[in-house]
Amino acid sequence: MAAGPAPEGGDGLAVRRVRLLAAAAVALAGAATALWPVPVLAVTAGPPERVVWREVLRAVVEVRLEYVHSVERTPVVEVYEAAPGGLRLVRMEFTAQGAGLPSGGYVREGKRFVLRTNRPLPALPVRVSGAGQQRLRIAGTILDLLALAGEGGTVTVAVRAAPRLALLWGVLY
């Protein structure tokens, strides 16, 4: 008597279930990875608000806001650190005292006043003015804020959490 194919029994059904469960686990792991939030340093300009620059934060990134003081007409530099935990003002440099600038807590370094601090911020909104000549320096990139937002517009720097998949599609929440 010739042996034919064995009828499918409980063993075949068990193998299919294991394969199905394995495929579901792989799909679930892929979805979790795609949706897992990653920290992103984002610069938006508007109105209307739009993303003009962004970078996934893998390490601390220095952000420099450089501008001309509106009253004293002297240069001011604000130095921030962007990290996965957020944005921090770490230093201010200016050459003359004036309205809105620190009146104490700084040291003199040559001709500059330097204030060292460690102030966390949820975001850095900047109202843009042609007279202020504002620009951002981030990771070797220089952003002219007037060109990005126009007179009276707003540029905002913030650390945001975005799903990995959104970054692939060019979307930032």
C-alpha atoms as a PDB file:
ATOM      1  CA  MET A   1       0.000   0.000   0.000  1.00  0.00           C
ATOM      2  CA  ALA A   2       1.435   3.365  -1.043  1.00  0.00           C
ATOM      3  CA  ALA A   3       1.698   6.094   1.511  1.00  0.00           C
ATOM      4  CA  GLY A   4       0.008   9.296   0.484  1.00  0.00           C
ATOM      5  CA  PRO A   5       0.118  12.698   2.052  1.00  0.00           C
ATOM      6  CA  ALA A   6      -0.824  12.637   5.692  1.00  0.00           C
ATOM      7  CA  PRO A   7      -4.109  14.288   6.457  1.00  0.00           C
ATOM      8  CA  GLU A   8      -3.713  17.668   8.105  1.00  0.00           C
ATOM      9  CA  GLY A   9      -4.225  17.228  11.759  1.00  0.00           C
ATOM     10  CA  GLY A  10      -3.624  19.102  14.953  1.00  0.00           C
ATOM     11  CA  ASP A  11       0.103  19.564  14.249  1.00  0.00           C
ATOM     12  CA  GLY A  12      -0.505  21.544  11.020  1.00  0.00           C
ATOM     13  CA  LEU A  13      -3.036  23.788  12.728  1.00  0.00           C
ATOM     14  CA  ALA A  14      -0.609  24.464  15.590  1.00  0.00           C
ATOM     15  CA  VAL A  15       2.157  25.432  13.131  1.00  0.00           C
ATOM     16  CA  ARG A  16      -0.199  27.876  11.339  1.00  0.00           C
ATOM     17  CA  ARG A  17      -1.175  29.458  14.664  1.00  0.00           C
ATOM     18  CA  VAL A  18       2.477  29.912  15.672  1.00  0.00           C
ATOM     19  CA  ARG A  19       3.266  31.513  12.298  1.00  0.00           C
ATOM     20  CA  LEU A  20       0.252  33.796  12.576  1.00  0.00           C
ATOM     21  CA  LEU A  21       1.233  34.848  16.093  1.00  0.00           C
ATOM     22  CA  ALA A  22       4.827  35.452  14.987  1.00  0.00           C
ATOM     23  CA  ALA A  23       3.645  37.602  12.056  1.00  0.00           C
ATOM     24  CA  ALA A  24       1.355  39.573  14.360  1.00  0.00           C
ATOM     25  CA  ALA A  25       4.214  40.146  16.817  1.00  0.00           C
ATOM     26  CA  VAL A  26       6.485  41.398  14.023  1.00  0.00           C
ATOM     27  CA  ALA A  27       3.736  43.722  12.739  1.00  0.00           C
ATOM     28  CA  LEU A  28       3.078  45.046  16.245  1.00  0.00           C
ATOM     29  CA  ALA A  29       6.793  45.665  16.834  1.00  0.00           C
ATOM     30  CA  GLY A  30       7.036  47.507  13.504  1.00  0.00           C
ATOM     31  CA  ALA A  31       4.027  49.685  14.312  1.00  0.00           C
ATOM     32  CA  ALA A  32       5.404  50.475  17.762  1.00  0.00           C
ATOM     33  CA  THR A  33       8.757  51.479  16.262  1.00  0.00           C
ATOM     34  CA  ALA A  34       7.105  53.667  13.613  1.00  0.00           C
ATOM     35  CA  LEU A  35       4.888  55.408  16.157  1.00  0.00           C
ATOM     36  CA  TRP A  36       7.453  55.660  18.967  1.00  0.00           C
ATOM     37  CA  PRO A  37       8.126  59.363  19.582  1.00  0.00           C
ATOM     38  CA  VAL A  38      11.592  60.779  19.008  1.00  0.00           C
ATOM     39  CA  PRO A  39      12.764  64.237  20.169  1.00  0.00           C
ATOM     40  CA  VAL A  40      13.016  66.777  17.356  1.00  0.00           C
ATOM     41  CA  LEU A  41      14.388  70.312  17.443  1.00  0.00           C
ATOM     42  CA  ALA A  42      11.974  72.269  15.276  1.00  0.00           C
ATOM     43  CA  VAL A  43      11.930  75.848  14.016  1.00  0.00           C
ATOM     44  CA  THR A  44       8.550  77.106  12.849  1.00  0.00           C
ATOM     45  CA  ALA A  45       7.718  80.439  11.210  1.00  0.00           C
ATOM     46  CA  GLY A  46       4.476  82.182  10.521  1.00  0.00           C
ATOM     47  CA  PRO A  47       1.748  83.066  10.285  1.00  0.00           C
ATOM     48  CA  PRO A  48       0.657  80.658   8.962  1.00  0.00           C
ATOM     49  CA  GLU A  49       2.859  78.392  11.061  1.00  0.00           C
ATOM     50  CA  ARG A  50       5.078  76.076   9.036  1.00  0.00           C
ATOM     51  CA  VAL A  51       8.181  74.049   9.819  1.00  0.00           C
ATOM     52  CA  VAL A  52      11.253  75.718   8.286  1.00  0.00           C
ATOM     53  CA  TRP A  53      13.980  73.593   9.872  1.00  0.00           C
ATOM     54  CA  ARG A  54      14.154  70.456  11.992  1.00  0.00           C
ATOM     55  CA  GLU A  55      16.606  67.870  13.253  1.00  0.00           C
ATOM     56  CA  VAL A  56      16.205  64.718  15.309  1.00  0.00           C
ATOM     57  CA  LEU A  57      18.036  65.275  18.587  1.00  0.00           C
ATOM     58  CA  ARG A  58      20.622  62.574  19.154  1.00  0.00           C
ATOM     59  CA  ALA A  59      22.815  64.791  21.343  1.00  0.00           C
ATOM     60  CA  VAL A  60      22.775  68.300  22.788  1.00  0.00           C
ATOM     61  CA  VAL A  61      22.633  70.941  20.036  1.00  0.00           C
ATOM     62  CA  GLU A  62      23.664  74.569  20.529  1.00  0.00           C
ATOM     63  CA  VAL A  63      21.159  77.168  19.319  1.00  0.00           C
ATOM     64  CA  ARG A  64      22.341  80.770  19.056  1.00  0.00           C
ATOM     65  CA  LEU A  65      19.901  83.644  18.710  1.00  0.00           C
ATOM     66  CA  GLU A  66      21.816  86.699  17.486  1.00  0.00           C
ATOM     67  CA  TYR A  67      20.229  90.114  17.177  1.00  0.00           C
ATOM     68  CA  VAL A  68      20.743  93.870  17.507  1.00  0.00           C
ATOM     69  CA  HIS A  69      19.254  95.399  20.678  1.00  0.00           C
ATOM     70  CA  SER A  70      16.331  97.613  19.702  1.00  0.00           C
ATOM     71  CA  VAL A  71      17.330 100.558  21.922  1.00  0.00           C
ATOM     72  CA  GLU A  72      21.101 100.318  22.393  1.00  0.00           C
ATOM     73  CA  ARG A  73      21.684  99.155  18.759  1.00  0.00           C
ATOM     74  CA  THR A  74      24.410  96.787  20.020  1.00  0.00           C
ATOM     75  CA  PRO A  75      24.802  93.038  19.359  1.00  0.00           C
ATOM     76  CA  VAL A  76      23.228  90.504  21.719  1.00  0.00           C
ATOM     77  CA  VAL A  77      23.741  86.737  21.646  1.00  0.00           C
ATOM     78  CA  GLU A  78      21.540  84.275  23.512  1.00  0.00           C
ATOM     79  CA  VAL A  79      22.887  80.721  23.649  1.00  0.00           C
ATOM     80  CA  TYR A  80      20.496  77.825  24.211  1.00  0.00           C
ATOM     81  CA  GLU A  81      21.034  74.106  24.472  1.00  0.00           C
ATOM     82  CA  ALA A  82      18.467  71.824  22.886  1.00  0.00           C
ATOM     83  CA  ALA A  83      18.338  68.302  24.282  1.00  0.00           C
ATOM     84  CA  PRO A  84      15.710  65.544  24.286  1.00  0.00           C
ATOM     85  CA  GLY A  85      14.449  66.966  27.604  1.00  0.00           C
ATOM     86  CA  GLY A  86      13.848  70.448  26.157  1.00  0.00           C
ATOM     87  CA  LEU A  87      15.389  73.851  25.608  1.00  0.00           C
ATOM     88  CA  ARG A  88      17.604  75.726  28.110  1.00  0.00           C
ATOM     89  CA  LEU A  89      19.028  79.241  28.053  1.00  0.00           C
ATOM     90  CA  VAL A  90      22.659  78.770  29.123  1.00  0.00           C
ATOM     91  CA  ARG A  91      24.352  82.077  28.265  1.00  0.00           C
ATOM     92  CA  MET A  92      23.740  85.664  27.196  1.00  0.00           C
ATOM     93  CA  GLU A  93      26.398  87.962  25.781  1.00  0.00           C
ATOM     94  CA  PHE A  94      25.980  91.704  25.247  1.00  0.00           C
ATOM     95  CA  THR A  95      28.191  94.779  24.970  1.00  0.00           C
ATOM     96  CA  ALA A  96      25.957  97.428  26.534  1.00  0.00           C
ATOM     97  CA  GLN A  97      23.287  97.424  29.176  1.00  0.00           C
ATOM     98  CA  GLY A  98      19.788  98.346  28.138  1.00  0.00           C
ATOM     99  CA  ALA A  99      16.087  97.706  28.463  1.00  0.00           C
ATOM    100  CA  GLY A 100      15.265  94.025  28.742  1.00  0.00           C
ATOM    101  CA  LEU A 101      18.857  92.950  29.337  1.00  0.00           C
ATOM    102  CA  PRO A 102      20.077  91.591  32.670  1.00  0.00           C
ATOM    103  CA  SER A 103      21.102  94.262  35.158  1.00  0.00           C
ATOM    104  CA  GLY A 104      23.119  91.881  37.339  1.00  0.00           C
ATOM    105  CA  GLY A 105      24.491  88.382  37.686  1.00  0.00           C
ATOM    106  CA  TYR A 106      26.869  88.741  34.755  1.00  0.00           C
ATOM    107  CA  VAL A 107      30.656  88.900  34.522  1.00  0.00           C
ATOM    108  CA  ARG A 108      32.831  91.054  32.298  1.00  0.00           C
ATOM    109  CA  GLU A 109      34.827  89.209  29.656  1.00  0.00           C
ATOM    110  CA  GLY A 110      36.804  91.779  27.742  1.00  0.00           C
ATOM    111  CA  LYS A 111      34.300  94.256  26.320  1.00  0.00           C
ATOM    112  CA  ARG A 112      31.332  91.920  26.788  1.00  0.00           C
ATOM    113  CA  PHE A 113      28.942  91.233  29.627  1.00  0.00           C
ATOM    114  CA  VAL A 114      28.344  87.484  29.965  1.00  0.00           C
ATOM    115  CA  LEU A 115      25.521  85.951  31.954  1.00  0.00           C
ATOM    116  CA  ARG A 116      25.693  82.223  32.585  1.00  0.00           C
ATOM    117  CA  THR A 117      22.434  80.576  33.531  1.00  0.00           C
ATOM    118  CA  ASN A 118      20.543  77.316  33.228  1.00  0.00           C
ATOM    119  CA  ARG A 119      16.949  78.365  32.571  1.00  0.00           C
ATOM    120  CA  PRO A 120      14.595  75.772  31.033  1.00  0.00           C
ATOM    121  CA  LEU A 121      12.062  77.013  28.499  1.00  0.00           C
ATOM    122  CA  PRO A 122       9.129  75.199  26.908  1.00  0.00           C
ATOM    123  CA  ALA A 123       9.795  77.098  23.656  1.00  0.00           C
ATOM    124  CA  LEU A 124      11.567  80.185  22.335  1.00  0.00           C
ATOM    125  CA  PRO A 125       9.175  82.443  20.427  1.00  0.00           C
ATOM    126  CA  VAL A 126      10.807  85.403  18.649  1.00  0.00           C
ATOM    127  CA  ARG A 127       8.826  88.342  17.227  1.00  0.00           C
ATOM    128  CA  VAL A 128      10.681  89.311  14.067  1.00  0.00           C
ATOM    129  CA  SER A 129      11.711  92.880  13.250  1.00  0.00           C
ATOM    130  CA  GLY A 130      13.873  94.141  10.428  1.00  0.00           C
ATOM    131  CA  ALA A 131      15.609  96.488  12.870  1.00  0.00           C
ATOM    132  CA  GLY A 132      16.585  93.530  15.073  1.00  0.00           C
ATOM    133  CA  GLN A 133      18.457  91.677  12.319  1.00  0.00           C
ATOM    134  CA  GLN A 134      17.623  88.409  14.111  1.00  0.00           C
ATOM    135  CA  ARG A 135      19.170  85.153  13.030  1.00  0.00           C
ATOM    136  CA  LEU A 136      19.523  81.661  14.419  1.00  0.00           C
ATOM    137  CA  ARG A 137      22.651  79.540  14.212  1.00  0.00           C
ATOM    138  CA  ILE A 138      21.899  75.854  14.662  1.00  0.00           C
ATOM    139  CA  ALA A 139      24.239  72.975  13.838  1.00  0.00           C
ATOM    140  CA  GLY A 140      26.113  74.932  11.171  1.00  0.00           C
ATOM    141  CA  THR A 141      22.936  76.382   9.644  1.00  0.00           C
ATOM    142  CA  ILE A 142      22.171  80.116   9.704  1.00  0.00           C
ATOM    143  CA  LEU A 143      18.495  81.088   9.508  1.00  0.00           C
ATOM    144  CA  ASP A 144      17.568  84.701   8.703  1.00  0.00           C
ATOM    145  CA  LEU A 145      14.375  85.204  10.706  1.00  0.00           C
ATOM    146  CA  LEU A 146      13.135  88.191   8.690  1.00  0.00           C
ATOM    147  CA  ALA A 147      13.383  86.154   5.478  1.00  0.00           C
ATOM    148  CA  LEU A 148      11.513  83.265   7.125  1.00  0.00           C
ATOM    149  CA  ALA A 149       8.653  85.062   8.891  1.00  0.00           C
ATOM    150  CA  GLY A 150       8.573  88.626   7.562  1.00  0.00           C
ATOM    151  CA  GLU A 151       8.241  91.841   9.554  1.00  0.00           C
ATOM    152  CA  GLY A 152       6.060  91.218  12.614  1.00  0.00           C
ATOM    153  CA  GLY A 153       5.965  87.447  12.088  1.00  0.00           C
ATOM    154  CA  THR A 154       6.969  84.898  14.696  1.00  0.00           C
ATOM    155  CA  VAL A 155       9.672  82.259  14.663  1.00  0.00           C
ATOM    156  CA  THR A 156       9.511  79.605  17.379  1.00  0.00           C
ATOM    157  CA  VAL A 157      12.219  77.171  18.418  1.00  0.00           C
ATOM    158  CA  ALA A 158      11.079  74.138  20.411  1.00  0.00           C
ATOM    159  CA  VAL A 159      11.871  70.534  21.180  1.00  0.00           C
ATOM    160  CA  ARG A 160       8.907  68.382  20.199  1.00  0.00           C
ATOM    161  CA  ALA A 161       8.165  64.703  20.241  1.00  0.00           C
ATOM    162  CA  ALA A 162       7.259  63.334  16.827  1.00  0.00           C
ATOM    163  CA  PRO A 163       6.521  59.772  15.700  1.00  0.00           C
ATOM    164  CA  ARG A 164       9.354  58.311  13.614  1.00  0.00           C
ATOM    165  CA  LEU A 165       6.921  57.665  10.787  1.00  0.00           C
ATOM    166  CA  ALA A 166       5.915  61.348  10.687  1.00  0.00           C
ATOM    167  CA  LEU A 167       9.549  62.299  10.133  1.00  0.00           C
ATOM    168  CA  LEU A 168       9.759  59.933   7.178  1.00  0.00           C
ATOM    169  CA  TRP A 169       6.652  61.524   5.668  1.00  0.00           C
ATOM    170  CA  GLY A 170       7.890  65.053   6.376  1.00  0.00           C
ATOM    171  CA  VAL A 171       5.145  65.782   8.901  1.00  0.00           C
ATOM    172  CA  LEU A 172       5.814  67.357  12.275  1.00  0.00           C
ATOM    173  CA  TYR A 173       3.168  67.654  14.935  1.00  0.00           C
END
